[in-house]
Amino acid sequence: MRALVRRFDAWLSRRYGVFEFSQAPNCLLRLHVAVARHHIPLPDCRVERGELVLLLHIWNDRLLALDALSPGLGWAKTIQRSLLRSLGEVVCYLDDHPDLAKVRAVGGVTVLLGAGDHEGGVRLVERLGFTVLPYCSPLGRFGEFWENFYSWVLIWTYNPSSLHHRHLRSLRRKEFWISAGEFRRRFGQGE
């Protein structure tokens, strides 16, 4: 069943234009160039609906390899280092692609920031400079249920050891955004 989910996820990624921008073995992110579906209020700018944004996607296959490590402080530090390197690689990708000069914000939607009393993920991305916003599915509660279900299936497929504290009913999606300028400042080379 997991192999079927992996194939479907690969097909869906291609369908929506999610792409691998780096072949570095520790890169945990893939990208998707899109337009903002709504206005995004950020501390240093306001991104209007229809403006260009860069969506960050977890590279699930890379998480699968890391799932073999036992969870704990060592695993968390490995993820943190890989994520920071990955964000730096995104800055390099933006700088190397002039066609992305109009990207106004970098971010995305995830269930990985925590829910209820477990908001440690929110604090982490806020320390990285991202603004965390509530998420509203364009398809309402019905759509959000199916998005959460798909996220749960992906976790089951790629990172099953984390399911002991992630239950389908408790998943809550959040948006996280940072302006492109602030993203470059924080994660660019030499920073």
C-alpha atoms as a PDB file:
ATOM      1  CA  MET A   1       0.000   0.000   0.000  1.00  0.00           C
ATOM      2  CA  ARG A   2       2.846   2.401   0.826  1.00  0.00           C
ATOM      3  CA  ALA A   3       4.318   1.883  -2.647  1.00  0.00           C
ATOM      4  CA  LEU A   4       0.970   2.873  -4.155  1.00  0.00           C
ATOM      5  CA  VAL A   5       0.871   6.035  -2.035  1.00  0.00           C
ATOM      6  CA  ARG A   6       4.423   6.902  -3.128  1.00  0.00           C
ATOM      7  CA  ARG A   7       3.480   6.536  -6.796  1.00  0.00           C
ATOM      8  CA  PHE A   8       0.332   8.617  -6.333  1.00  0.00           C
ATOM      9  CA  ASP A   9       2.286  11.299  -4.448  1.00  0.00           C
ATOM     10  CA  ALA A  10       4.870  11.436  -7.255  1.00  0.00           C
ATOM     11  CA  TRP A  11       2.110  11.765  -9.860  1.00  0.00           C
ATOM     12  CA  LEU A  12       0.320  14.471  -7.848  1.00  0.00           C
ATOM     13  CA  SER A  13       3.573  16.390  -7.395  1.00  0.00           C
ATOM     14  CA  ARG A  14       4.201  16.355 -11.141  1.00  0.00           C
ATOM     15  CA  ARG A  15       0.584  17.351 -11.798  1.00  0.00           C
ATOM     16  CA  TYR A  16       0.857  20.410  -9.545  1.00  0.00           C
ATOM     17  CA  GLY A  17       4.334  21.416 -10.683  1.00  0.00           C
ATOM     18  CA  VAL A  18       6.255  20.514  -7.524  1.00  0.00           C
ATOM     19  CA  PHE A  19       9.886  20.044  -8.531  1.00  0.00           C
ATOM     20  CA  GLU A  20      13.230  19.012  -7.118  1.00  0.00           C
ATOM     21  CA  PHE A  21      15.539  21.996  -7.351  1.00  0.00           C
ATOM     22  CA  SER A  22      18.595  20.455  -5.669  1.00  0.00           C
ATOM     23  CA  GLN A  23      20.282  17.093  -5.788  1.00  0.00           C
ATOM     24  CA  ALA A  24      22.177  17.653  -2.526  1.00  0.00           C
ATOM     25  CA  PRO A  25      21.612  14.504  -0.466  1.00  0.00           C
ATOM     26  CA  ASN A  26      20.593  16.439   2.648  1.00  0.00           C
ATOM     27  CA  CYS A  27      18.066  18.710   0.905  1.00  0.00           C
ATOM     28  CA  LEU A  28      14.643  18.223   2.520  1.00  0.00           C
ATOM     29  CA  LEU A  29      12.643  20.576   0.304  1.00  0.00           C
ATOM     30  CA  ARG A  30      11.061  20.687  -3.122  1.00  0.00           C
ATOM     31  CA  LEU A  31       9.500  23.788  -4.681  1.00  0.00           C
ATOM     32  CA  HIS A  32       6.369  24.934  -6.448  1.00  0.00           C
ATOM     33  CA  VAL A  33       6.005  28.330  -8.120  1.00  0.00           C
ATOM     34  CA  ALA A  34       2.420  29.522  -7.690  1.00  0.00           C
ATOM     35  CA  VAL A  35       0.256  32.586  -7.217  1.00  0.00           C
ATOM     36  CA  ALA A  36      -1.105  33.669  -3.855  1.00  0.00           C
ATOM     37  CA  ARG A  37      -4.688  32.429  -3.401  1.00  0.00           C
ATOM     38  CA  HIS A  38      -5.458  35.281  -0.976  1.00  0.00           C
ATOM     39  CA  HIS A  39      -3.695  38.310   0.442  1.00  0.00           C
ATOM     40  CA  ILE A  40      -0.887  37.457   2.861  1.00  0.00           C
ATOM     41  CA  PRO A  41      -0.210  40.055   5.568  1.00  0.00           C
ATOM     42  CA  LEU A  42       3.476  40.030   6.541  1.00  0.00           C
ATOM     43  CA  PRO A  43       5.384  42.351   8.876  1.00  0.00           C
ATOM     44  CA  ASP A  44       7.366  43.962   6.037  1.00  0.00           C
ATOM     45  CA  CYS A  45       4.886  43.741   3.145  1.00  0.00           C
ATOM     46  CA  ARG A  46       1.456  42.634   2.060  1.00  0.00           C
ATOM     47  CA  VAL A  47       1.305  40.055  -0.707  1.00  0.00           C
ATOM     48  CA  GLU A  48      -1.811  40.494  -2.813  1.00  0.00           C
ATOM     49  CA  ARG A  49      -3.904  37.725  -4.261  1.00  0.00           C
ATOM     50  CA  GLY A  50      -2.478  36.669  -7.636  1.00  0.00           C
ATOM     51  CA  GLU A  51       1.104  37.723  -6.911  1.00  0.00           C
ATOM     52  CA  LEU A  52       3.908  35.213  -7.401  1.00  0.00           C
ATOM     53  CA  VAL A  53       4.884  33.060  -4.381  1.00  0.00           C
ATOM     54  CA  LEU A  54       7.237  30.136  -3.887  1.00  0.00           C
ATOM     55  CA  LEU A  55       5.762  27.172  -2.026  1.00  0.00           C
ATOM     56  CA  LEU A  56       8.016  24.923   0.038  1.00  0.00           C
ATOM     57  CA  HIS A  57       7.207  21.201   0.044  1.00  0.00           C
ATOM     58  CA  ILE A  58       8.771  18.539   2.234  1.00  0.00           C
ATOM     59  CA  TRP A  59      10.709  16.060   0.109  1.00  0.00           C
ATOM     60  CA  ASN A  60       9.001  12.984   1.509  1.00  0.00           C
ATOM     61  CA  ASP A  61      11.509  10.462   0.141  1.00  0.00           C
ATOM     62  CA  ARG A  62      14.275  12.216   2.077  1.00  0.00           C
ATOM     63  CA  LEU A  63      12.230  11.987   5.279  1.00  0.00           C
ATOM     64  CA  LEU A  64      11.810   8.275   4.688  1.00  0.00           C
ATOM     65  CA  ALA A  65      15.593   7.856   4.852  1.00  0.00           C
ATOM     66  CA  LEU A  66      15.754   9.881   8.073  1.00  0.00           C
ATOM     67  CA  ASP A  67      12.935   7.871   9.648  1.00  0.00           C
ATOM     68  CA  ALA A  68      15.405   5.023  10.151  1.00  0.00           C
ATOM     69  CA  LEU A  69      17.220   7.189  12.735  1.00  0.00           C
ATOM     70  CA  SER A  70      15.816   6.787  16.200  1.00  0.00           C
ATOM     71  CA  PRO A  71      13.768   9.827  17.229  1.00  0.00           C
ATOM     72  CA  GLY A  72      15.443  12.022  19.768  1.00  0.00           C
ATOM     73  CA  LEU A  73      17.798  14.952  20.039  1.00  0.00           C
ATOM     74  CA  GLY A  74      20.194  13.584  17.405  1.00  0.00           C
ATOM     75  CA  TRP A  75      17.360  13.137  14.912  1.00  0.00           C
ATOM     76  CA  ALA A  76      16.047  16.639  15.647  1.00  0.00           C
ATOM     77  CA  LYS A  77      19.499  18.204  15.157  1.00  0.00           C
ATOM     78  CA  THR A  78      19.943  16.322  11.867  1.00  0.00           C
ATOM     79  CA  ILE A  79      16.571  17.605  10.644  1.00  0.00           C
ATOM     80  CA  GLN A  80      17.365  21.154  11.810  1.00  0.00           C
ATOM     81  CA  ARG A  81      20.751  21.255  10.040  1.00  0.00           C
ATOM     82  CA  SER A  82      19.292  19.771   6.858  1.00  0.00           C
ATOM     83  CA  LEU A  83      16.373  22.201   6.890  1.00  0.00           C
ATOM     84  CA  LEU A  84      18.617  25.249   7.340  1.00  0.00           C
ATOM     85  CA  ARG A  85      20.899  24.057   4.520  1.00  0.00           C
ATOM     86  CA  SER A  86      17.839  23.436   2.357  1.00  0.00           C
ATOM     87  CA  LEU A  87      16.531  26.960   2.968  1.00  0.00           C
ATOM     88  CA  GLY A  88      19.940  28.319   1.964  1.00  0.00           C
ATOM     89  CA  GLU A  89      19.775  26.278  -1.226  1.00  0.00           C
ATOM     90  CA  VAL A  90      16.354  27.789  -1.990  1.00  0.00           C
ATOM     91  CA  VAL A  91      17.923  31.270  -1.773  1.00  0.00           C
ATOM     92  CA  CYS A  92      20.633  30.187  -4.222  1.00  0.00           C
ATOM     93  CA  TYR A  93      17.974  28.786  -6.554  1.00  0.00           C
ATOM     94  CA  LEU A  94      16.037  32.066  -6.438  1.00  0.00           C
ATOM     95  CA  ASP A  95      19.214  34.048  -7.115  1.00  0.00           C
ATOM     96  CA  ASP A  96      20.141  31.798 -10.053  1.00  0.00           C
ATOM     97  CA  HIS A  97      16.712  32.127 -11.712  1.00  0.00           C
ATOM     98  CA  PRO A  98      15.962  35.716 -12.764  1.00  0.00           C
ATOM     99  CA  ASP A  99      12.519  34.604 -13.938  1.00  0.00           C
ATOM    100  CA  LEU A 100      11.644  34.284 -10.214  1.00  0.00           C
ATOM    101  CA  ALA A 101      12.592  37.886  -9.388  1.00  0.00           C
ATOM    102  CA  LYS A 102       8.904  38.731  -8.906  1.00  0.00           C
ATOM    103  CA  VAL A 103       8.396  36.113  -6.170  1.00  0.00           C
ATOM    104  CA  ARG A 104       6.959  38.125  -3.273  1.00  0.00           C
ATOM    105  CA  ALA A 105       6.841  35.504  -0.523  1.00  0.00           C
ATOM    106  CA  VAL A 106       8.081  32.042   0.378  1.00  0.00           C
ATOM    107  CA  GLY A 107       6.042  29.602   2.440  1.00  0.00           C
ATOM    108  CA  GLY A 108       3.270  27.075   2.273  1.00  0.00           C
ATOM    109  CA  VAL A 109       0.689  25.028   4.131  1.00  0.00           C
ATOM    110  CA  THR A 110       1.434  22.179   6.527  1.00  0.00           C
ATOM    111  CA  VAL A 111       0.064  20.009   9.319  1.00  0.00           C
ATOM    112  CA  LEU A 112       3.552  19.562  10.759  1.00  0.00           C
ATOM    113  CA  LEU A 113       3.524  22.646  12.998  1.00  0.00           C
ATOM    114  CA  GLY A 114       1.535  20.995  15.760  1.00  0.00           C
ATOM    115  CA  ALA A 115      -1.975  21.128  17.091  1.00  0.00           C
ATOM    116  CA  GLY A 116      -3.662  21.916  20.359  1.00  0.00           C
ATOM    117  CA  ASP A 117      -1.162  22.177  23.201  1.00  0.00           C
ATOM    118  CA  HIS A 118       1.727  21.032  21.009  1.00  0.00           C
ATOM    119  CA  GLU A 119       2.614  24.257  19.216  1.00  0.00           C
ATOM    120  CA  GLY A 120       6.417  23.821  19.314  1.00  0.00           C
ATOM    121  CA  GLY A 121       6.548  23.731  15.524  1.00  0.00           C
ATOM    122  CA  VAL A 122       4.835  27.123  15.338  1.00  0.00           C
ATOM    123  CA  ARG A 123       7.400  28.657  17.679  1.00  0.00           C
ATOM    124  CA  LEU A 124      10.221  27.107  15.651  1.00  0.00           C
ATOM    125  CA  VAL A 125       9.131  28.545  12.288  1.00  0.00           C
ATOM    126  CA  GLU A 126       8.408  31.908  13.914  1.00  0.00           C
ATOM    127  CA  ARG A 127      11.986  31.954  15.255  1.00  0.00           C
ATOM    128  CA  LEU A 128      13.108  31.319  11.678  1.00  0.00           C
ATOM    129  CA  GLY A 129      11.236  34.486  10.645  1.00  0.00           C
ATOM    130  CA  PHE A 130       8.062  33.009   9.163  1.00  0.00           C
ATOM    131  CA  THR A 131       4.624  34.381   9.992  1.00  0.00           C
ATOM    132  CA  VAL A 132       2.144  31.624  10.863  1.00  0.00           C
ATOM    133  CA  LEU A 133      -1.442  32.161   9.747  1.00  0.00           C
ATOM    134  CA  PRO A 134      -4.630  30.110  10.058  1.00  0.00           C
ATOM    135  CA  TYR A 135      -5.492  28.022   7.027  1.00  0.00           C
ATOM    136  CA  CYS A 136      -8.873  27.955   5.340  1.00  0.00           C
ATOM    137  CA  SER A 137      -9.371  25.373   2.635  1.00  0.00           C
ATOM    138  CA  PRO A 138     -10.983  26.761  -0.523  1.00  0.00           C
ATOM    139  CA  LEU A 139     -13.312  23.742  -0.252  1.00  0.00           C
ATOM    140  CA  GLY A 140     -14.298  24.454   3.363  1.00  0.00           C
ATOM    141  CA  ARG A 141     -14.310  21.853   6.129  1.00  0.00           C
ATOM    142  CA  PHE A 142     -14.981  19.060   3.661  1.00  0.00           C
ATOM    143  CA  GLY A 143     -11.869  19.953   1.699  1.00  0.00           C
ATOM    144  CA  GLU A 144      -9.759  20.395   4.799  1.00  0.00           C
ATOM    145  CA  PHE A 145     -10.741  16.922   6.050  1.00  0.00           C
ATOM    146  CA  TRP A 146      -9.542  15.334   2.803  1.00  0.00           C
ATOM    147  CA  GLU A 147      -6.347  17.428   2.767  1.00  0.00           C
ATOM    148  CA  ASN A 148      -5.653  16.315   6.351  1.00  0.00           C
ATOM    149  CA  PHE A 149      -6.433  12.711   5.469  1.00  0.00           C
ATOM    150  CA  TYR A 150      -3.953  12.849   2.598  1.00  0.00           C
ATOM    151  CA  SER A 151      -1.336  14.389   4.910  1.00  0.00           C
ATOM    152  CA  TRP A 152      -1.923  11.608   7.436  1.00  0.00           C
ATOM    153  CA  VAL A 153      -1.483   8.986   4.701  1.00  0.00           C
ATOM    154  CA  LEU A 154       1.781  10.653   3.645  1.00  0.00           C
ATOM    155  CA  ILE A 155       3.031  10.596   7.244  1.00  0.00           C
ATOM    156  CA  TRP A 156       2.031   6.914   7.495  1.00  0.00           C
ATOM    157  CA  THR A 157       3.942   6.238   4.280  1.00  0.00           C
ATOM    158  CA  TYR A 158       7.099   8.292   4.739  1.00  0.00           C
ATOM    159  CA  ASN A 159       7.512   8.860   8.486  1.00  0.00           C
ATOM    160  CA  PRO A 160       5.455   6.184  10.286  1.00  0.00           C
ATOM    161  CA  SER A 161       7.346   6.484  13.575  1.00  0.00           C
ATOM    162  CA  SER A 162       5.879   9.972  14.073  1.00  0.00           C
ATOM    163  CA  LEU A 163       2.281   8.718  13.976  1.00  0.00           C
ATOM    164  CA  HIS A 164       2.228   7.820  17.654  1.00  0.00           C
ATOM    165  CA  HIS A 165       1.510  11.493  18.421  1.00  0.00           C
ATOM    166  CA  ARG A 166      -0.305  12.484  15.207  1.00  0.00           C
ATOM    167  CA  HIS A 167      -3.923  11.448  15.001  1.00  0.00           C
ATOM    168  CA  LEU A 168      -6.086  12.289  12.008  1.00  0.00           C
ATOM    169  CA  ARG A 169      -8.671  14.131  14.111  1.00  0.00           C
ATOM    170  CA  SER A 170      -6.017  16.357  15.688  1.00  0.00           C
ATOM    171  CA  LEU A 171      -4.330  17.488  12.461  1.00  0.00           C
ATOM    172  CA  ARG A 172      -4.659  21.221  11.861  1.00  0.00           C
ATOM    173  CA  ARG A 173      -3.283  22.940   8.806  1.00  0.00           C
ATOM    174  CA  LYS A 174      -1.467  26.234   9.109  1.00  0.00           C
ATOM    175  CA  GLU A 175       0.116  28.580   6.607  1.00  0.00           C
ATOM    176  CA  PHE A 176       3.639  29.885   7.101  1.00  0.00           C
ATOM    177  CA  TRP A 177       5.036  32.811   5.094  1.00  0.00           C
ATOM    178  CA  ILE A 178       8.016  35.124   4.891  1.00  0.00           C
ATOM    179  CA  SER A 179       8.635  37.903   2.374  1.00  0.00           C
ATOM    180  CA  ALA A 180      11.127  37.007  -0.347  1.00  0.00           C
ATOM    181  CA  GLY A 181      13.449  39.826   0.761  1.00  0.00           C
ATOM    182  CA  GLU A 182      13.479  38.724   4.391  1.00  0.00           C
ATOM    183  CA  PHE A 183      13.905  35.102   3.289  1.00  0.00           C
ATOM    184  CA  ARG A 184      17.024  36.027   1.303  1.00  0.00           C
ATOM    185  CA  ARG A 185      18.383  38.100   4.185  1.00  0.00           C
ATOM    186  CA  ARG A 186      17.937  35.317   6.751  1.00  0.00           C
ATOM    187  CA  PHE A 187      18.975  32.290   4.728  1.00  0.00           C
ATOM    188  CA  GLY A 188      21.340  33.650   2.081  1.00  0.00           C
ATOM    189  CA  GLN A 189      24.983  32.524   1.938  1.00  0.00           C
ATOM    190  CA  GLY A 190      27.217  34.036   4.569  1.00  0.00           C
ATOM    191  CA  GLU A 191      24.340  34.916   6.886  1.00  0.00           C
END
